[in-house]
Amino acid sequence: MRFRPALLLILLSLPACTGLADGANTVFNFLRSDMNARAAALAGSFLAMTDDPTTIFYNPASLGTLTGPRGTAGFFKNLLDVNAGSLAYGQAIEDAGTFGAGVLYEHYGTFTETDELGNALGSFTASDMAISIGYSNTLDDNLYWGGAVKFITSSIAGASSSALAADIGILYCIPDSRFAVGVSIRNLGRQLTTYLGTRENLPVDASAGFSIIPKGLPLLLNVAFHNINQDVNSFGQRFRSFSVGGEFTLSKVLQARIGYNNEQRLDLNLGSTSGLTGFSAGIGINVKTYRVDYSLSSLGSIGSLHRVSISAAF
């Protein structure tokens, strides 16, 4: 008898460390993870960020704010032997708008396949991947709209599932006040093929957020509310999923970042004290047209997550 993958499928269907309440009812939950180091250091509060191709994963409307061709690649060291990463690129085409592409992947390592008596039969792997193509343009002065379509695939022990989904968003910028506000809905779609014949929902996420540079401060402040579409018992609970991030420009070369994810802290509180659960921090080093980012995210007693990203302007 082959190793039954059902239990592992349940485990892998959970978010990679977000602890979302409805995670067990959805598939492809790796889409919830922050793969890029800059975004992770800001606790995923990336809804109204500008001039960064990583925004294709958060709010495709922000692609329209790219000041030139930009690309980024990131590596994410998850718990145990799970490795993940991302690629993103965006470029404006004159009189046509801004186009972008992105890839998210997560590899869960190699597992020993056994029969019901524990006898080894071999090994198998499990992985997830999503490929996105995005577009953004202006609706009016400083008002951007955008969308992205993505193909999602997941496999484990010879079984696989795939889906087609879309992200949509808007972004409004007020340059004089250095303020931007964005809204996005991600992962709208359905499975094309299913695991074991069971159709599951995609992790749809309706989010809203803003960013602002306070006058006289070298600080970019980001606030985002996630999963506003979740079923909750009270109106107040609808806003428990928020994140806050601050990016401090210390010099032309160095940036420091800190973030806080409220839902993660609440859901991963395993004892009398939460410690630094839900907090994240990181740095960015700028060298000419390149930037190297590092982030550290705390899951409290569970462990910590490390991410590294490299970005370039072309």
Protein backbone atom coordinates (compact mmCIF):
# COMPACT_ATOMS: atom_id res chain seq x y z
CA MET A 1 0.00 0.00 0.00
CA ARG A 2 1.35 3.41 -0.93
CA PHE A 3 1.76 6.19 1.59
CA ARG A 4 -1.57 7.96 1.83
CA PRO A 5 -0.99 11.66 1.05
CA ALA A 6 -4.33 12.90 2.44
CA LEU A 7 -2.90 13.97 5.81
CA LEU A 8 0.02 15.72 4.20
CA LEU A 9 -2.35 17.46 1.78
CA ILE A 10 -4.21 18.91 4.74
CA LEU A 11 -0.98 20.15 6.30
CA LEU A 12 0.27 21.69 3.08
CA SER A 13 -3.07 23.39 2.48
CA LEU A 14 -2.54 25.52 5.57
CA PRO A 15 -0.87 28.89 5.16
CA ALA A 16 2.88 28.68 5.51
CA CYS A 17 2.79 30.58 8.81
CA THR A 18 -0.06 33.00 8.73
CA GLY A 19 -2.43 31.03 10.94
CA LEU A 20 -5.51 32.29 9.11
CA ALA A 21 -8.73 30.97 10.53
CA ASP A 22 -10.17 29.82 7.23
CA GLY A 23 -6.95 28.31 5.90
CA ALA A 24 -8.18 24.71 6.16
CA ASN A 25 -11.09 25.48 3.82
CA THR A 26 -8.99 26.69 0.94
CA VAL A 27 -6.27 25.41 -1.35
CA PHE A 28 -3.07 27.05 -2.68
CA ASN A 29 -2.52 28.89 0.60
CA PHE A 30 1.11 29.54 -0.31
CA LEU A 31 -0.35 32.54 -2.18
CA ARG A 32 -0.82 34.21 1.21
CA SER A 33 2.88 34.13 2.08
CA ASP A 34 5.19 37.12 1.73
CA MET A 35 8.01 35.80 -0.46
CA ASN A 36 9.88 39.09 -1.01
CA ALA A 37 12.19 40.33 1.76
CA ARG A 38 11.13 43.98 1.54
CA ALA A 39 7.44 43.10 1.68
CA ALA A 40 7.98 40.65 4.54
CA ALA A 41 9.95 43.17 6.61
CA LEU A 42 6.93 45.48 6.29
CA ALA A 43 4.65 42.60 7.40
CA GLY A 44 2.94 42.44 4.02
CA SER A 45 1.59 46.00 4.22
CA PHE A 46 2.28 46.47 0.50
CA LEU A 47 -1.15 47.49 -0.84
CA ALA A 48 -0.22 51.10 -1.64
CA MET A 49 3.49 50.76 -2.36
CA THR A 50 4.84 52.33 -5.53
CA ASP A 51 7.74 51.81 -7.94
CA ASP A 52 8.30 48.16 -7.01
CA PRO A 53 7.53 45.18 -9.30
CA THR A 54 6.70 43.07 -6.22
CA THR A 55 3.37 44.90 -6.11
CA ILE A 56 2.12 42.54 -8.83
CA PHE A 57 1.50 40.07 -5.98
CA TYR A 58 -0.36 42.60 -3.78
CA ASN A 59 -2.01 45.22 -5.97
CA PRO A 60 -1.37 45.05 -9.73
CA ALA A 61 -2.54 48.66 -10.12
CA SER A 62 0.74 49.74 -8.52
CA LEU A 63 2.66 48.46 -11.54
CA GLY A 64 1.65 51.69 -13.25
CA THR A 65 3.86 53.68 -10.87
CA LEU A 66 7.11 52.06 -12.06
CA THR A 67 9.55 54.79 -13.08
CA GLY A 68 11.50 52.39 -15.30
CA PRO A 69 12.09 48.71 -16.00
CA ARG A 70 12.61 46.90 -12.69
CA GLY A 71 13.10 43.32 -11.60
CA THR A 72 13.45 41.47 -8.33
CA ALA A 73 14.30 37.94 -7.20
CA GLY A 74 13.83 36.60 -3.70
CA PHE A 75 14.59 33.50 -1.63
CA PHE A 76 12.53 32.49 1.40
CA LYS A 77 13.80 30.00 3.99
CA ASN A 78 10.66 28.61 5.60
CA LEU A 79 10.35 26.22 8.54
CA LEU A 80 11.88 22.73 8.38
CA ASP A 81 13.19 22.02 4.86
CA VAL A 82 10.65 24.20 3.06
CA ASN A 83 12.19 26.65 0.59
CA ALA A 84 10.34 29.26 -1.42
CA GLY A 85 10.96 32.30 -3.54
CA SER A 86 9.71 34.78 -6.08
CA LEU A 87 10.56 36.56 -9.31
CA ALA A 88 8.94 39.76 -10.55
CA TYR A 89 9.51 42.17 -13.42
CA GLY A 90 7.68 45.25 -14.66
CA GLN A 91 8.11 47.67 -17.55
CA ALA A 92 6.08 50.44 -19.13
CA ILE A 93 5.49 50.40 -22.89
CA GLU A 94 4.85 53.80 -24.43
CA ASP A 95 1.18 54.46 -25.20
CA ALA A 96 0.27 50.95 -24.06
CA GLY A 97 0.54 50.92 -20.25
CA THR A 98 2.71 48.97 -17.85
CA PHE A 99 3.16 45.21 -18.07
CA GLY A 100 4.47 42.88 -15.41
CA ALA A 101 5.18 39.22 -14.75
CA GLY A 102 5.75 37.28 -11.57
CA VAL A 103 6.46 33.79 -10.29
CA LEU A 104 5.89 32.38 -6.80
CA TYR A 105 7.15 28.93 -5.86
CA GLU A 106 7.38 26.80 -2.75
CA HIS A 107 9.13 23.42 -2.44
CA TYR A 108 8.37 21.31 0.61
CA GLY A 109 11.32 18.94 0.34
CA THR A 110 11.56 15.18 -0.06
CA PHE A 111 9.45 12.74 1.97
CA THR A 112 9.84 9.02 2.56
CA GLU A 113 7.00 6.98 1.11
CA THR A 114 5.96 4.06 3.34
CA ASP A 115 3.26 1.42 3.52
CA GLU A 116 0.87 1.05 6.46
CA LEU A 117 3.49 -0.96 8.38
CA GLY A 118 6.14 1.73 8.02
CA ASN A 119 8.20 -0.06 5.39
CA ALA A 120 9.98 2.37 3.08
CA LEU A 121 8.80 2.23 -0.53
CA GLY A 122 10.71 5.18 -1.93
CA SER A 123 10.38 8.94 -1.79
CA PHE A 124 8.26 11.75 -3.17
CA THR A 125 8.23 15.55 -3.25
CA ALA A 126 5.64 18.31 -2.97
CA SER A 127 5.64 21.79 -4.45
CA ASP A 128 3.49 24.79 -5.41
CA MET A 129 3.89 27.42 -8.13
CA ALA A 130 1.98 30.41 -9.50
CA ILE A 131 2.79 32.35 -12.67
CA SER A 132 1.24 35.82 -13.05
CA ILE A 133 0.92 38.22 -15.97
CA GLY A 134 -0.17 41.73 -15.01
CA TYR A 135 -1.14 45.04 -16.59
CA SER A 136 -1.74 48.55 -15.26
CA ASN A 137 -2.82 51.88 -16.72
CA THR A 138 -4.29 55.21 -15.60
CA LEU A 139 -7.98 56.00 -15.26
CA ASP A 140 -7.32 59.65 -14.45
CA ASP A 141 -4.48 61.78 -13.11
CA ASN A 142 -2.82 59.83 -10.29
CA LEU A 143 -5.50 57.11 -10.42
CA TYR A 144 -4.29 53.69 -11.55
CA TRP A 145 -6.10 50.45 -12.24
CA GLY A 146 -4.58 47.05 -12.80
CA GLY A 147 -5.20 43.38 -13.13
CA ALA A 148 -3.29 40.12 -13.30
CA VAL A 149 -4.13 36.60 -14.36
CA LYS A 150 -2.31 33.68 -12.81
CA PHE A 151 -1.94 29.99 -13.43
CA ILE A 152 -1.49 28.00 -10.22
CA THR A 153 -0.27 24.45 -9.87
CA SER A 154 0.43 22.17 -6.94
CA SER A 155 1.71 18.60 -6.78
CA ILE A 156 2.38 15.95 -4.18
CA ALA A 157 3.18 12.23 -4.43
CA GLY A 158 1.97 11.90 -8.00
CA ALA A 159 -1.25 13.84 -7.38
CA SER A 160 -1.72 17.39 -8.61
CA SER A 161 -4.13 20.30 -8.74
CA SER A 162 -4.25 23.44 -10.87
CA ALA A 163 -6.28 26.64 -11.02
CA LEU A 164 -6.78 29.82 -12.97
CA ALA A 165 -7.25 33.03 -10.98
CA ALA A 166 -7.22 36.81 -11.31
CA ASP A 167 -6.18 39.79 -9.19
CA ILE A 168 -7.66 43.28 -9.61
CA GLY A 169 -6.87 46.57 -7.93
CA ILE A 170 -6.89 50.35 -7.92
CA LEU A 171 -4.40 52.86 -6.55
CA TYR A 172 -4.77 56.60 -6.00
CA CYS A 173 -1.69 58.73 -5.37
CA ILE A 174 -1.51 62.32 -4.12
CA PRO A 175 2.07 63.33 -4.92
CA ASP A 176 1.98 66.71 -3.14
CA SER A 177 0.99 65.11 0.15
CA ARG A 178 3.07 61.97 -0.50
CA PHE A 179 0.01 59.83 0.20
CA ALA A 180 -1.35 56.78 -1.64
CA VAL A 181 -4.31 54.50 -1.02
CA GLY A 182 -4.97 51.15 -2.67
CA VAL A 183 -7.61 48.42 -2.80
CA SER A 184 -7.22 44.95 -4.28
CA ILE A 185 -9.00 41.62 -4.53
CA ARG A 186 -6.72 38.65 -5.10
CA ASN A 187 -7.13 35.03 -6.11
CA LEU A 188 -10.53 35.24 -7.76
CA GLY A 189 -10.95 32.00 -9.68
CA ARG A 190 -11.42 28.27 -9.40
CA GLN A 191 -9.63 24.97 -9.68
CA LEU A 192 -9.16 23.43 -13.11
CA THR A 193 -8.10 20.07 -11.69
CA THR A 194 -8.50 18.88 -8.10
CA TYR A 195 -6.77 16.73 -5.53
CA LEU A 196 -8.57 13.42 -5.03
CA GLY A 197 -11.68 14.76 -6.78
CA THR A 198 -12.46 17.29 -4.03
CA ARG A 199 -13.04 20.86 -5.22
CA GLU A 200 -11.81 23.54 -2.82
CA ASN A 201 -12.02 27.32 -2.67
CA LEU A 202 -9.12 29.58 -3.53
CA PRO A 203 -7.84 31.93 -0.77
CA VAL A 204 -9.69 35.05 -1.95
CA ASP A 205 -8.33 38.14 -0.18
CA ALA A 206 -10.01 41.56 -0.31
CA SER A 207 -7.57 44.13 1.08
CA ALA A 208 -7.23 47.88 1.46
CA GLY A 209 -4.34 50.02 2.63
CA PHE A 210 -2.48 53.28 2.44
CA SER A 211 1.07 54.61 2.54
CA ILE A 212 2.30 58.03 3.57
CA ILE A 213 5.59 59.85 4.03
CA PRO A 214 5.08 62.15 7.03
CA LYS A 215 6.38 65.64 6.42
CA GLY A 216 9.88 66.13 7.73
CA LEU A 217 10.49 62.46 8.48
CA PRO A 218 12.64 59.96 6.53
CA LEU A 219 9.85 57.40 6.96
CA LEU A 220 7.52 55.57 4.60
CA LEU A 221 4.58 54.33 6.69
CA ASN A 222 2.32 51.55 5.40
CA VAL A 223 -0.97 50.28 6.82
CA ALA A 224 -3.03 47.47 5.28
CA PHE A 225 -6.21 45.57 6.18
CA HIS A 226 -6.36 42.04 4.80
CA ASN A 227 -9.09 39.43 4.34
CA ILE A 228 -11.90 41.95 4.75
CA ASN A 229 -14.10 39.41 2.96
CA GLN A 230 -13.81 36.80 5.72
CA ASP A 231 -16.91 35.56 7.51
CA VAL A 232 -16.78 36.91 11.08
CA ASN A 233 -19.06 37.12 14.10
CA SER A 234 -18.88 40.88 14.51
CA PHE A 235 -18.00 43.96 12.48
CA GLY A 236 -14.91 44.67 14.58
CA GLN A 237 -13.43 41.23 13.89
CA ARG A 238 -13.43 42.04 10.18
CA PHE A 239 -10.45 44.32 10.80
CA ARG A 240 -8.35 42.05 13.02
CA SER A 241 -6.23 41.15 9.98
CA PHE A 242 -4.14 44.27 9.72
CA SER A 243 -0.46 44.91 9.24
CA VAL A 244 1.71 47.97 9.75
CA GLY A 245 5.16 48.61 8.32
CA GLY A 246 7.69 51.42 8.47
CA GLU A 247 10.64 51.96 6.13
CA PHE A 248 13.27 54.39 7.42
CA THR A 249 15.73 55.92 4.97
CA LEU A 250 18.94 56.26 6.97
CA SER A 251 21.10 57.31 4.02
CA LYS A 252 21.27 56.97 0.25
CA VAL A 253 22.69 53.49 0.81
CA LEU A 254 20.84 52.11 3.82
CA GLN A 255 17.20 51.56 4.76
CA ALA A 256 15.80 49.99 7.93
CA ARG A 257 12.37 48.39 8.13
CA ILE A 258 10.03 47.11 10.81
CA GLY A 259 6.58 45.55 10.61
CA TYR A 260 3.76 44.07 12.64
CA ASN A 261 1.09 41.54 11.60
CA ASN A 262 -1.80 41.56 14.07
CA GLU A 263 -3.58 38.43 12.86
CA GLN A 264 -0.38 36.41 12.93
CA ARG A 265 0.28 37.48 16.50
CA LEU A 266 -3.23 36.58 17.64
CA ASP A 267 -3.32 33.21 15.89
CA LEU A 268 0.15 32.07 16.92
CA ASN A 269 -0.17 32.96 20.60
CA LEU A 270 0.69 29.54 22.06
CA GLY A 271 1.29 30.43 25.68
CA SER A 272 1.08 33.07 28.37
CA THR A 273 3.34 35.36 26.38
CA SER A 274 3.51 36.05 22.65
CA GLY A 275 7.08 37.37 22.66
CA LEU A 276 7.88 38.91 19.28
CA THR A 277 5.29 36.87 17.39
CA GLY A 278 3.98 38.86 14.45
CA PHE A 279 6.88 41.31 14.38
CA SER A 280 9.34 41.57 11.52
CA ALA A 281 12.38 43.64 10.68
CA GLY A 282 14.85 44.06 7.86
CA ILE A 283 17.35 46.20 6.02
CA GLY A 284 17.88 47.34 2.46
CA ILE A 285 21.25 48.20 0.95
CA ASN A 286 21.32 50.29 -2.23
CA VAL A 287 24.32 50.15 -4.53
CA LYS A 288 23.91 52.12 -7.75
CA THR A 289 20.90 50.58 -9.51
CA TYR A 290 20.81 47.49 -7.27
CA ARG A 291 19.20 46.86 -3.89
CA VAL A 292 19.75 43.90 -1.56
CA ASP A 293 17.05 43.30 1.05
CA TYR A 294 16.98 41.04 4.09
CA SER A 295 14.13 40.35 6.50
CA LEU A 296 13.56 38.37 9.68
CA SER A 297 10.02 37.48 10.76
CA SER A 298 9.23 36.06 14.19
CA LEU A 299 6.73 33.26 14.78
CA GLY A 300 7.46 33.24 18.51
CA SER A 301 8.21 29.80 19.94
CA ILE A 302 7.63 28.20 16.53
CA GLY A 303 10.71 29.81 15.00
CA SER A 304 11.84 32.58 12.67
CA LEU A 305 11.73 33.09 8.92
CA HIS A 306 14.55 34.51 6.81
CA ARG A 307 14.21 36.11 3.38
CA VAL A 308 16.71 37.65 0.98
CA SER A 309 15.86 39.59 -2.19
CA ILE A 310 17.86 41.34 -4.92
CA SER A 311 16.28 44.10 -7.01
CA ALA A 312 17.60 46.02 -9.99
CA ALA A 313 16.57 48.93 -12.19
CA PHE A 314 17.41 48.53 -15.87
